[in-house]
Amino acid sequence: MTGADGTRRGWRAVLADHGALLLVLAIALAGMQRVLTAHWREGAVLLGGSLIVAAVLRVILPQERVGLLAIRSKVVDVLFYSSFGLVMTVLAVTITRVRLSAP
C-alpha cells in the first residue's frame, strides 16, 4: 500500500492507523450477524458494546492513531459514542418478551 506522500507503507503501519476502527467494525459486524440470525438481544448488546469500545478508544488513543473514529472533537465523540452505546445496551437488556394473548 502506498501512503499519501507516495511512499510504500507496510501492513503494520496501516493497522496502526486503522486498527481502532477495524476493532469497532468487527464487534459491530458480529452484532449484526447475531441480529440476522434471530438473536436480536445479543446482537443489540454487541452493537452497543461496539459504540462503548469506540468511546474508550477515542479517550485513550492519541489524535494521530484514532483514525476514522474521530468525527468531531474528542469530547463530543466520547459523549455520543458512550451515550448511544449505553442506551442501546440498556434497552436490549431490559426489554422483556411480550406475549400477546388471544381474546
Protein backbone atom coordinates (compact mmCIF):
# COMPACT_ATOMS: atom_id res chain seq x y z
CA MET A 1 0.00 0.00 0.00
CA THR A 2 1.16 3.49 -0.65
CA GLY A 3 0.71 6.48 1.60
CA ALA A 4 -0.42 9.98 0.70
CA ASP A 5 3.17 11.02 0.00
CA GLY A 6 3.71 8.13 -2.44
CA THR A 7 5.89 6.03 -0.15
CA ARG A 8 5.17 2.36 0.33
CA ARG A 9 3.61 1.51 3.71
CA GLY A 10 3.53 -1.90 5.33
CA TRP A 11 0.53 -3.64 6.82
CA ARG A 12 1.71 -2.76 10.32
CA ALA A 13 1.56 0.94 9.56
CA VAL A 14 -1.90 0.56 8.05
CA LEU A 15 -3.06 -1.48 11.03
CA ALA A 16 -1.67 1.14 13.40
CA ASP A 17 -3.65 3.83 11.59
CA HIS A 18 -6.92 1.93 11.20
CA GLY A 19 -6.77 -0.78 13.88
CA ALA A 20 -9.18 1.02 16.21
CA LEU A 21 -11.84 1.34 13.54
CA LEU A 22 -11.33 -2.25 12.44
CA LEU A 23 -11.85 -3.48 16.00
CA VAL A 24 -15.07 -1.49 16.38
CA LEU A 25 -16.32 -2.69 12.98
CA ALA A 26 -15.52 -6.31 13.83
CA ILE A 27 -17.62 -6.10 17.01
CA ALA A 28 -20.44 -4.36 15.13
CA LEU A 29 -20.37 -7.00 12.38
CA ALA A 30 -20.59 -9.75 14.99
CA GLY A 31 -23.59 -7.93 16.44
CA MET A 32 -25.27 -7.66 13.05
CA GLN A 33 -24.66 -11.36 12.46
CA ARG A 34 -26.41 -12.17 15.75
CA VAL A 35 -29.34 -9.90 14.86
CA LEU A 36 -29.70 -11.51 11.43
CA THR A 37 -29.74 -14.99 12.96
CA ALA A 38 -32.74 -14.09 15.17
CA HIS A 39 -30.72 -13.39 18.34
CA TRP A 40 -31.61 -9.70 18.38
CA ARG A 41 -30.94 -9.11 22.06
CA GLU A 42 -27.35 -10.43 21.89
CA GLY A 43 -26.80 -8.53 18.66
CA ALA A 44 -28.08 -5.28 20.13
CA VAL A 45 -25.79 -5.70 23.14
CA LEU A 46 -22.83 -6.27 20.82
CA LEU A 47 -23.73 -3.20 18.74
CA GLY A 48 -24.00 -1.10 21.90
CA GLY A 49 -20.73 -2.60 23.10
CA SER A 50 -19.01 -1.61 19.87
CA LEU A 51 -20.03 2.01 20.50
CA ILE A 52 -18.72 1.83 24.06
CA VAL A 53 -15.43 0.38 22.78
CA ALA A 54 -15.27 3.26 20.28
CA ALA A 55 -15.72 5.74 23.13
CA VAL A 56 -12.97 4.11 25.20
CA LEU A 57 -10.60 4.01 22.23
CA ARG A 58 -11.38 7.66 21.47
CA VAL A 59 -10.34 8.56 25.02
CA ILE A 60 -7.13 6.53 25.26
CA LEU A 61 -5.67 6.81 21.76
CA PRO A 62 -3.70 9.87 20.66
CA GLN A 63 -5.15 12.00 17.86
CA GLU A 64 -2.79 10.63 15.19
CA ARG A 65 -3.76 6.99 15.97
CA VAL A 66 -7.54 7.32 16.33
CA GLY A 67 -8.16 7.35 12.58
CA LEU A 68 -11.75 7.46 11.36
CA LEU A 69 -13.20 7.21 14.87
CA ALA A 70 -12.59 10.95 15.14
CA ILE A 71 -15.65 12.69 13.77
CA ARG A 72 -15.94 15.84 15.88
CA SER A 73 -13.99 16.96 18.91
CA LYS A 74 -12.90 14.33 21.41
CA VAL A 75 -15.48 15.42 23.99
CA VAL A 76 -18.38 15.27 21.52
CA ASP A 77 -17.28 11.91 20.11
CA VAL A 78 -16.95 10.32 23.55
CA LEU A 79 -20.25 11.77 24.70
CA PHE A 80 -22.20 10.49 21.69
CA TYR A 81 -20.46 7.12 21.38
CA SER A 82 -20.89 6.31 25.05
CA SER A 83 -24.45 7.61 25.40
CA PHE A 84 -25.75 5.79 22.33
CA GLY A 85 -23.87 2.65 23.33
CA LEU A 86 -25.24 2.70 26.87
CA VAL A 87 -28.81 3.41 25.72
CA MET A 88 -28.71 0.59 23.18
CA THR A 89 -27.24 -1.87 25.68
CA VAL A 90 -29.66 -0.95 28.47
CA LEU A 91 -32.67 -1.16 26.16
CA ALA A 92 -31.59 -4.54 24.82
CA VAL A 93 -31.12 -5.94 28.30
CA THR A 94 -34.29 -4.52 29.85
CA ILE A 95 -36.84 -5.28 27.11
CA THR A 96 -38.69 -8.41 28.13
CA ARG A 97 -40.57 -10.79 25.92
CA VAL A 98 -44.10 -9.58 25.30
CA ARG A 99 -46.68 -12.29 24.74
CA LEU A 100 -49.87 -11.39 23.02
CA SER A 101 -52.80 -13.33 24.34
CA ALA A 102 -55.83 -14.21 22.29
CA PRO A 103 -59.07 -12.50 23.39
